[in-house]
Amino acid sequence: MEFFDVAVIGGGIIGGSIALQLAQRKLCVILLDRQQPGREASWAAAGMLAPVLDSPADAPLMPLAKASLRLYPDFVAAVESASGLATGFRRGPTIHAFFAPHGESERNTMIADLRRVDVAAEAISVAEARGAEPALAESVRAAVLLPEEASVEPRILTEAVLAAAAQNGVHIRTGVPVTSLLQEGSRVTGVIAGCDKISAGKVVLAAGCYSGGIEGLGRYAPTHPVRGQMVALRPASDTLSHVLRSHRGYVVPRNNGRIVAGSTLENAGFEKYVTPAGLRQILDAAVELAPALSDAAVLETWAGLRPGTPDELPLLGPTDLEGLLIATGHYRNGILLAPVTAKLIREWIVEGRTSEAVERFSPLRFLEVRRGASR
């Protein structure tokens, strides 16, 4: 039987980043993926690095999101240096546009909410917004500048992370679905993948929306898929220099001239395909933000499955099984949270403690709820 210090289940941006950090600490790491690594939620993402409040439930996530954004420049520099790949990391403000007649009121509420969680947000006039981004629609009623955001090309970033991990000695196995854990009493000793038994001192579950489907792990990782459809456009001429968002959607410019537009939020199970209704929703929002995109070529459409959780917050940390750690359920924030997640898992494994307050994200929280309900 093969032995590794750590077995990481899941080869997306989260699993790959964890494996890389552990290998950089000279641990012997194997990364196992049910298919080609990096082809699920990481491949489908837009790549916005944006600590934003989509709902009040996101507030506990803000310190972690901001910490991860601070780590990003060094994270990208290290990955690009090791892999030789340019990840498309772009610093630059995002413009959030409001179209409703009461847009100024919505703008003021958004700024107040963000400032309460210490996220920089500035009210700018429509003239200032269109001066910065001439492609922005004339129908905008109010605008917010989010100066600390950034973006990255997630497909290339994930490829670069996996290449850097392999270069640092990570054993990457593709097409190897993990079906269950190896255990000795309450201690995890490895995984069963197909006909193979792989021994490991620690096991990290980072399998996205598929995490809960592994035998015995649903109680720690009650993940479910949330489908998001996406569209890639190529305008006839250079159109955008900023990420643009509204409450209906967003457009993200890439270094290669593509514009990525998204996205839907659908409880469609594991059905990963695009629909006419979803594409119409995305394209209507994109053209509302930047009318010049109405003449753009549609280059690609795709759908991905985000890993949702019952409270829409990640699952991070040790479990009541010795040697088992969870790093999944990042929902819409997997790309953003990759650096800090990898750092936290590395700290738990190497140092036995963490530098961030993350009790709110414990994978035991749903187990405790079920125990309370059964009393």
Protein backbone atom coordinates (compact mmCIF):
# COMPACT_ATOMS: atom_id res chain seq x y z
CA MET A 1 0.00 0.00 0.00
CA GLU A 2 1.28 3.47 -0.91
CA PHE A 3 1.80 5.95 1.94
CA PHE A 4 1.59 9.73 1.80
CA ASP A 5 1.69 12.41 4.46
CA VAL A 6 -1.49 13.94 3.03
CA ALA A 7 -4.13 12.81 0.52
CA VAL A 8 -6.15 15.65 -1.01
CA ILE A 9 -9.49 14.68 -2.56
CA GLY A 10 -10.39 17.08 -5.36
CA GLY A 11 -8.19 18.76 -7.97
CA GLY A 12 -9.80 22.16 -8.45
CA ILE A 13 -8.31 25.49 -7.40
CA ILE A 14 -8.92 24.70 -3.71
CA GLY A 15 -7.44 21.21 -3.70
CA GLY A 16 -4.57 22.19 -5.97
CA SER A 17 -3.64 25.21 -3.84
CA ILE A 18 -3.71 23.11 -0.66
CA ALA A 19 -1.55 20.41 -2.23
CA LEU A 20 0.94 23.02 -3.44
CA GLN A 21 1.33 24.69 -0.04
CA LEU A 22 1.77 21.36 1.73
CA ALA A 23 4.34 20.17 -0.80
CA GLN A 24 6.24 23.43 -0.36
CA ARG A 25 6.56 22.41 3.30
CA LYS A 26 8.21 19.16 2.13
CA LEU A 27 5.22 16.92 2.84
CA CYS A 28 4.57 13.96 0.55
CA VAL A 29 1.18 14.74 -1.03
CA ILE A 30 -1.15 12.91 -3.39
CA LEU A 31 -4.00 14.73 -5.12
CA LEU A 32 -6.88 12.59 -6.40
CA ASP A 33 -9.56 13.75 -8.81
CA ARG A 34 -12.58 11.91 -10.16
CA GLN A 35 -11.86 13.30 -13.65
CA GLN A 36 -9.35 15.70 -15.19
CA PRO A 37 -8.32 18.11 -12.40
CA GLY A 38 -9.54 21.66 -12.65
CA ARG A 39 -12.52 20.93 -14.92
CA GLU A 40 -15.39 21.65 -12.56
CA ALA A 41 -16.30 24.87 -10.72
CA SER A 42 -12.78 26.30 -11.09
CA TRP A 43 -12.94 25.97 -14.88
CA ALA A 44 -16.39 27.57 -15.04
CA ALA A 45 -15.75 30.61 -12.83
CA ALA A 46 -15.61 34.25 -13.94
CA GLY A 47 -12.52 35.02 -11.87
CA MET A 48 -13.67 38.16 -10.04
CA LEU A 49 -11.72 38.70 -6.83
CA ALA A 50 -14.43 40.60 -5.06
CA PRO A 51 -15.24 40.53 -1.33
CA VAL A 52 -18.85 41.65 -1.72
CA LEU A 53 -22.07 41.16 0.18
CA ASP A 54 -24.53 39.35 -2.05
CA SER A 55 -26.76 38.93 1.01
CA PRO A 56 -26.57 39.64 4.77
CA ALA A 57 -25.62 35.97 5.24
CA ASP A 58 -22.26 36.76 3.60
CA ALA A 59 -21.14 39.09 6.41
CA PRO A 60 -19.21 36.37 8.38
CA LEU A 61 -17.21 35.66 5.24
CA MET A 62 -15.85 39.18 4.78
CA PRO A 63 -12.75 38.95 7.06
CA LEU A 64 -11.69 35.74 5.33
CA ALA A 65 -12.39 37.16 1.86
CA LYS A 66 -10.36 40.29 2.56
CA ALA A 67 -7.50 38.25 4.01
CA SER A 68 -7.43 36.09 0.87
CA LEU A 69 -7.46 39.12 -1.43
CA ARG A 70 -4.42 40.49 0.42
CA LEU A 71 -2.61 37.21 -0.19
CA TYR A 72 -3.37 37.18 -3.93
CA PRO A 73 -0.42 39.17 -5.37
CA ASP A 74 2.18 36.96 -3.68
CA PHE A 75 0.13 33.82 -4.39
CA VAL A 76 -0.06 34.63 -8.10
CA ALA A 77 3.59 35.64 -8.31
CA ALA A 78 4.71 32.35 -6.77
CA VAL A 79 2.43 30.25 -8.97
CA GLU A 80 3.41 32.08 -12.16
CA SER A 81 7.10 31.76 -11.32
CA ALA A 82 6.83 28.02 -10.64
CA SER A 83 4.59 27.20 -13.61
CA GLY A 84 5.73 29.68 -16.26
CA LEU A 85 2.07 30.56 -16.96
CA ALA A 86 0.56 34.05 -16.92
CA THR A 87 -2.67 33.89 -14.94
CA GLY A 88 -4.24 37.15 -16.15
CA PHE A 89 -4.18 38.74 -12.70
CA ARG A 90 -5.48 42.29 -13.04
CA ARG A 91 -5.78 44.90 -10.34
CA GLY A 92 -8.33 47.59 -10.98
CA PRO A 93 -11.54 49.01 -9.65
CA THR A 94 -14.93 47.52 -10.36
CA ILE A 95 -17.90 49.72 -11.18
CA HIS A 96 -21.26 48.64 -9.80
CA ALA A 97 -24.12 50.24 -11.72
CA PHE A 98 -27.71 50.87 -10.65
CA PHE A 99 -30.50 51.28 -13.20
CA ALA A 100 -33.68 51.60 -11.13
CA PRO A 101 -35.32 55.01 -10.62
CA HIS A 102 -34.31 54.79 -6.95
CA GLY A 103 -30.72 53.85 -7.87
CA GLU A 104 -29.15 56.48 -5.62
CA SER A 105 -30.93 55.04 -2.60
CA GLU A 106 -29.75 51.51 -3.53
CA ARG A 107 -26.23 52.85 -4.00
CA ASN A 108 -26.20 54.47 -0.57
CA THR A 109 -27.47 51.29 1.08
CA MET A 110 -24.80 49.21 -0.64
CA ILE A 111 -22.02 51.58 0.43
CA ALA A 112 -23.23 51.60 4.03
CA ASP A 113 -23.43 47.78 4.10
CA LEU A 114 -19.92 47.40 2.68
CA ARG A 115 -18.37 49.98 4.97
CA ARG A 116 -19.85 48.16 7.97
CA VAL A 117 -17.65 45.19 7.05
CA ASP A 118 -14.69 47.43 6.20
CA VAL A 119 -14.83 47.02 2.42
CA ALA A 120 -13.82 50.11 0.46
CA ALA A 121 -16.67 51.57 -1.61
CA GLU A 122 -17.02 55.05 -3.06
CA ALA A 123 -20.03 56.86 -4.49
CA ILE A 124 -19.18 58.35 -7.88
CA SER A 125 -21.33 60.34 -10.25
CA VAL A 126 -22.64 58.77 -13.42
CA ALA A 127 -20.46 61.20 -15.38
CA GLU A 128 -17.38 60.02 -13.46
CA ALA A 129 -18.31 56.39 -14.01
CA ARG A 130 -18.77 56.87 -17.75
CA GLY A 131 -15.58 58.91 -17.91
CA ALA A 132 -13.68 55.97 -16.43
CA GLU A 133 -15.57 53.40 -18.53
CA PRO A 134 -17.04 54.94 -21.73
CA ALA A 135 -18.76 51.65 -22.61
CA LEU A 136 -21.02 51.97 -19.56
CA ALA A 137 -24.67 52.49 -20.49
CA GLU A 138 -26.15 55.99 -20.54
CA SER A 139 -29.18 54.63 -18.69
CA VAL A 140 -27.22 54.16 -15.45
CA ARG A 141 -28.82 56.11 -12.57
CA ALA A 142 -26.08 55.71 -9.94
CA ALA A 143 -22.70 54.05 -9.52
CA VAL A 144 -20.29 52.73 -6.90
CA LEU A 145 -16.53 52.40 -7.35
CA LEU A 146 -14.98 49.37 -5.63
CA PRO A 147 -11.27 50.27 -5.73
CA GLU A 148 -9.68 47.23 -4.12
CA GLU A 149 -11.03 44.47 -6.37
CA ALA A 150 -9.12 42.45 -8.96
CA SER A 151 -9.68 39.62 -11.41
CA VAL A 152 -7.86 36.58 -12.74
CA GLU A 153 -8.31 34.00 -15.50
CA PRO A 154 -9.42 31.00 -13.43
CA ARG A 155 -8.79 28.31 -16.02
CA ILE A 156 -5.18 29.38 -16.46
CA LEU A 157 -4.74 30.00 -12.73
CA THR A 158 -5.94 26.49 -11.91
CA GLU A 159 -3.69 24.99 -14.58
CA ALA A 160 -0.77 26.99 -13.18
CA VAL A 161 -1.47 25.90 -9.60
CA LEU A 162 -1.59 22.24 -10.63
CA ALA A 163 1.61 22.59 -12.68
CA ALA A 164 3.35 24.25 -9.72
CA ALA A 165 2.09 21.49 -7.42
CA ALA A 166 3.45 18.79 -9.71
CA GLN A 167 6.77 20.62 -9.96
CA ASN A 168 6.93 20.61 -6.16
CA GLY A 169 6.46 16.86 -6.04
CA VAL A 170 2.69 16.42 -5.67
CA HIS A 171 1.50 13.10 -7.09
CA ILE A 172 -1.56 13.92 -9.23
CA ARG A 173 -3.91 11.06 -10.12
CA THR A 174 -6.67 11.70 -12.65
CA GLY A 175 -9.87 9.75 -13.20
CA VAL A 176 -9.67 8.31 -9.68
CA PRO A 177 -12.94 8.76 -7.75
CA VAL A 178 -12.54 8.37 -4.00
CA THR A 179 -15.43 6.28 -2.67
CA SER A 180 -14.71 6.08 1.06
CA LEU A 181 -12.17 6.56 3.82
CA LEU A 182 -9.81 4.11 5.47
CA GLN A 183 -10.24 4.22 9.24
CA GLU A 184 -8.87 2.71 12.41
CA GLY A 185 -11.51 3.51 15.01
CA SER A 186 -11.99 7.30 15.02
CA ARG A 187 -8.74 7.93 13.13
CA VAL A 188 -8.62 8.33 9.35
CA THR A 189 -5.70 6.45 7.80
CA GLY A 190 -6.25 7.04 4.10
CA VAL A 191 -8.76 6.63 1.28
CA ILE A 192 -10.21 3.99 -0.99
CA ALA A 193 -10.16 5.02 -4.64
CA GLY A 194 -11.55 2.39 -6.97
CA CYS A 195 -9.65 -0.81 -6.25
CA ASP A 196 -6.77 1.05 -4.61
CA LYS A 197 -6.16 1.68 -0.94
CA ILE A 198 -4.00 4.72 -0.32
CA SER A 199 -2.57 5.26 3.14
CA ALA A 200 -2.18 8.83 4.41
CA GLY A 201 -1.47 10.53 7.71
CA LYS A 202 -4.03 13.24 6.89
CA VAL A 203 -6.91 13.43 4.41
CA VAL A 204 -8.27 16.74 3.09
CA LEU A 205 -11.69 16.75 1.43
CA ALA A 206 -11.82 19.44 -1.28
CA ALA A 207 -14.14 17.87 -3.84
CA GLY A 208 -16.54 20.78 -4.35
CA CYS A 209 -20.19 19.90 -4.84
CA TYR A 210 -19.27 16.20 -5.02
CA SER A 211 -17.86 16.18 -1.47
CA GLY A 212 -21.06 15.03 0.21
CA GLY A 213 -21.37 12.04 -2.10
CA ILE A 214 -18.37 10.22 -0.66
CA GLU A 215 -19.40 7.54 1.79
CA GLY A 216 -19.57 8.82 5.34
CA LEU A 217 -18.64 12.42 4.51
CA GLY A 218 -22.06 13.95 3.90
CA ARG A 219 -22.45 14.73 7.60
CA TYR A 220 -19.36 16.98 7.49
CA ALA A 221 -19.85 18.28 3.96
CA PRO A 222 -23.56 18.63 3.13
CA THR A 223 -22.75 20.20 -0.22
CA HIS A 224 -25.14 20.55 -3.14
CA PRO A 225 -24.62 21.78 -6.72
CA VAL A 226 -25.73 25.28 -7.72
CA ARG A 227 -25.58 25.65 -11.49
CA GLY A 228 -24.15 28.79 -13.04
CA GLN A 229 -24.31 29.47 -16.75
CA MET A 230 -21.74 31.67 -18.47
CA VAL A 231 -21.06 33.31 -21.85
CA ALA A 232 -17.82 34.47 -23.48
CA LEU A 233 -18.06 37.34 -25.97
CA ARG A 234 -15.67 39.04 -28.34
CA PRO A 235 -16.63 42.63 -29.21
CA ALA A 236 -15.83 44.09 -32.61
CA SER A 237 -13.44 46.56 -30.96
CA ASP A 238 -11.93 47.11 -27.54
CA THR A 239 -14.95 47.74 -25.36
CA LEU A 240 -14.21 47.38 -21.67
CA SER A 241 -11.34 48.16 -19.33
CA HIS A 242 -13.22 47.61 -16.04
CA VAL A 243 -15.25 44.85 -14.48
CA LEU A 244 -18.87 46.04 -14.52
CA ARG A 245 -21.59 44.68 -12.23
CA SER A 246 -25.23 45.25 -11.49
CA HIS A 247 -27.75 43.35 -9.43
CA ARG A 248 -28.65 41.45 -12.62
CA GLY A 249 -25.21 40.30 -13.78
CA TYR A 250 -21.62 41.20 -14.62
CA VAL A 251 -19.07 41.47 -17.40
CA VAL A 252 -15.35 40.75 -16.89
CA PRO A 253 -12.74 41.78 -19.47
CA ARG A 254 -9.85 39.41 -20.15
CA ASN A 255 -6.34 40.29 -21.32
CA ASN A 256 -6.95 38.45 -24.61
CA GLY A 257 -9.91 40.65 -25.57
CA ARG A 258 -12.65 38.26 -24.48
CA ILE A 259 -15.47 39.44 -22.25
CA VAL A 260 -16.90 36.91 -19.80
CA ALA A 261 -20.52 37.52 -18.80
CA GLY A 262 -22.54 35.80 -16.11
CA SER A 263 -24.23 34.28 -14.34
CA THR A 264 -27.25 32.29 -13.19
CA LEU A 265 -27.95 30.69 -9.81
CA GLU A 266 -29.97 27.51 -10.34
CA ASN A 267 -30.85 24.52 -8.24
CA ALA A 268 -30.76 22.07 -11.14
CA GLY A 269 -29.06 19.15 -9.46
CA PHE A 270 -26.02 17.82 -11.28
CA GLU A 271 -27.39 18.82 -14.71
CA LYS A 272 -24.55 20.83 -16.23
CA TYR A 273 -25.85 22.43 -19.42
CA VAL A 274 -26.86 25.86 -20.67
CA THR A 275 -30.44 26.87 -21.36
CA PRO A 276 -32.06 29.52 -23.58
CA ALA A 277 -33.56 31.20 -20.52
CA GLY A 278 -30.22 31.31 -18.72
CA LEU A 279 -28.35 32.71 -21.71
CA ARG A 280 -31.03 35.33 -22.28
CA GLN A 281 -30.78 36.44 -18.64
CA ILE A 282 -26.99 36.79 -18.89
CA LEU A 283 -26.94 38.55 -22.24
CA ASP A 284 -29.71 40.98 -21.28
CA ALA A 285 -27.76 41.99 -18.17
CA ALA A 286 -24.50 42.31 -20.13
CA VAL A 287 -26.02 44.51 -22.83
CA GLU A 288 -27.79 46.62 -20.20
CA LEU A 289 -24.38 47.32 -18.62
CA ALA A 290 -22.50 47.88 -21.89
CA PRO A 291 -24.80 48.34 -24.90
CA ALA A 292 -21.92 47.95 -27.39
CA LEU A 293 -21.85 44.27 -26.47
CA SER A 294 -25.09 43.77 -28.41
CA ASP A 295 -22.94 43.35 -31.55
CA ALA A 296 -20.31 41.11 -29.96
CA ALA A 297 -19.65 37.60 -31.20
CA VAL A 298 -20.68 34.77 -28.86
CA LEU A 299 -17.53 32.68 -28.57
CA GLU A 300 -18.47 30.11 -25.95
CA THR A 301 -21.20 29.13 -23.54
CA TRP A 302 -20.82 26.81 -20.57
CA ALA A 303 -22.22 25.84 -17.20
CA GLY A 304 -20.56 24.90 -13.93
CA LEU A 305 -21.67 23.53 -10.59
CA ARG A 306 -20.79 25.61 -7.56
CA PRO A 307 -20.52 23.83 -4.19
CA GLY A 308 -23.34 25.24 -2.08
CA THR A 309 -23.97 24.61 1.62
CA PRO A 310 -27.12 25.04 3.73
CA ASP A 311 -25.95 28.45 5.02
CA GLU A 312 -23.95 29.40 1.88
CA LEU A 313 -20.70 29.56 3.87
CA PRO A 314 -17.59 27.41 3.40
CA LEU A 315 -16.72 24.29 5.35
CA LEU A 316 -13.20 24.63 6.69
CA GLY A 317 -11.19 22.75 9.25
CA PRO A 318 -10.78 19.57 11.27
CA THR A 319 -13.57 17.14 12.07
CA ASP A 320 -14.21 14.77 14.97
CA LEU A 321 -12.34 12.11 13.00
CA GLU A 322 -8.63 12.43 13.72
CA GLY A 323 -6.75 13.19 10.52
CA LEU A 324 -9.74 14.36 8.44
CA LEU A 325 -9.98 18.00 7.37
CA ILE A 326 -12.59 19.66 5.18
CA ALA A 327 -12.07 22.46 2.64
CA THR A 328 -15.17 22.74 0.48
CA GLY A 329 -18.49 24.56 0.11
CA HIS A 330 -16.95 27.79 -1.18
CA TYR A 331 -20.06 28.45 -3.28
CA ARG A 332 -19.38 31.56 -5.43
CA ASN A 333 -16.02 32.38 -3.84
CA GLY A 334 -13.71 29.47 -4.58
CA ILE A 335 -11.28 31.43 -6.75
CA LEU A 336 -11.14 34.32 -4.28
CA LEU A 337 -10.71 32.10 -1.21
CA ALA A 338 -8.11 29.70 -2.62
CA PRO A 339 -5.01 31.38 -1.11
CA VAL A 340 -6.42 31.75 2.39
CA THR A 341 -7.97 28.27 2.37
CA ALA A 342 -4.64 26.72 1.41
CA LYS A 343 -2.90 28.72 4.12
CA LEU A 344 -5.41 27.65 6.79
CA ILE A 345 -5.26 23.94 5.91
CA ARG A 346 -1.47 24.10 5.85
CA GLU A 347 -1.46 25.76 9.28
CA TRP A 348 -3.81 23.14 10.72
CA ILE A 349 -1.70 20.28 9.38
CA VAL A 350 1.80 21.67 9.94
CA GLU A 351 1.35 23.90 12.99
CA GLY A 352 -1.81 22.60 14.63
CA ARG A 353 -3.36 26.08 14.78
CA THR A 354 -4.56 28.86 12.48
CA SER A 355 -3.83 32.55 12.14
CA GLU A 356 -7.45 33.46 11.30
CA ALA A 357 -10.64 33.18 13.35
CA VAL A 358 -12.53 30.51 11.43
CA GLU A 359 -14.72 28.79 14.03
CA ARG A 360 -17.80 30.02 12.13
CA PHE A 361 -16.85 27.75 9.21
CA SER A 362 -16.30 24.54 11.16
CA PRO A 363 -17.53 21.43 9.32
CA LEU A 364 -18.97 20.26 12.64
CA ARG A 365 -21.64 22.97 12.67
CA PHE A 366 -24.24 20.98 10.76
CA LEU A 367 -23.44 17.81 12.67
CA GLU A 368 -24.14 19.72 15.90
CA VAL A 369 -27.46 21.01 14.53
CA ARG A 370 -28.56 17.46 13.72
CA ARG A 371 -27.54 16.24 17.16
CA GLY A 372 -29.56 19.04 18.77
CA ALA A 373 -32.61 18.26 16.64
CA SER A 374 -32.51 14.60 17.66
CA ARG A 375 -32.65 15.31 21.38
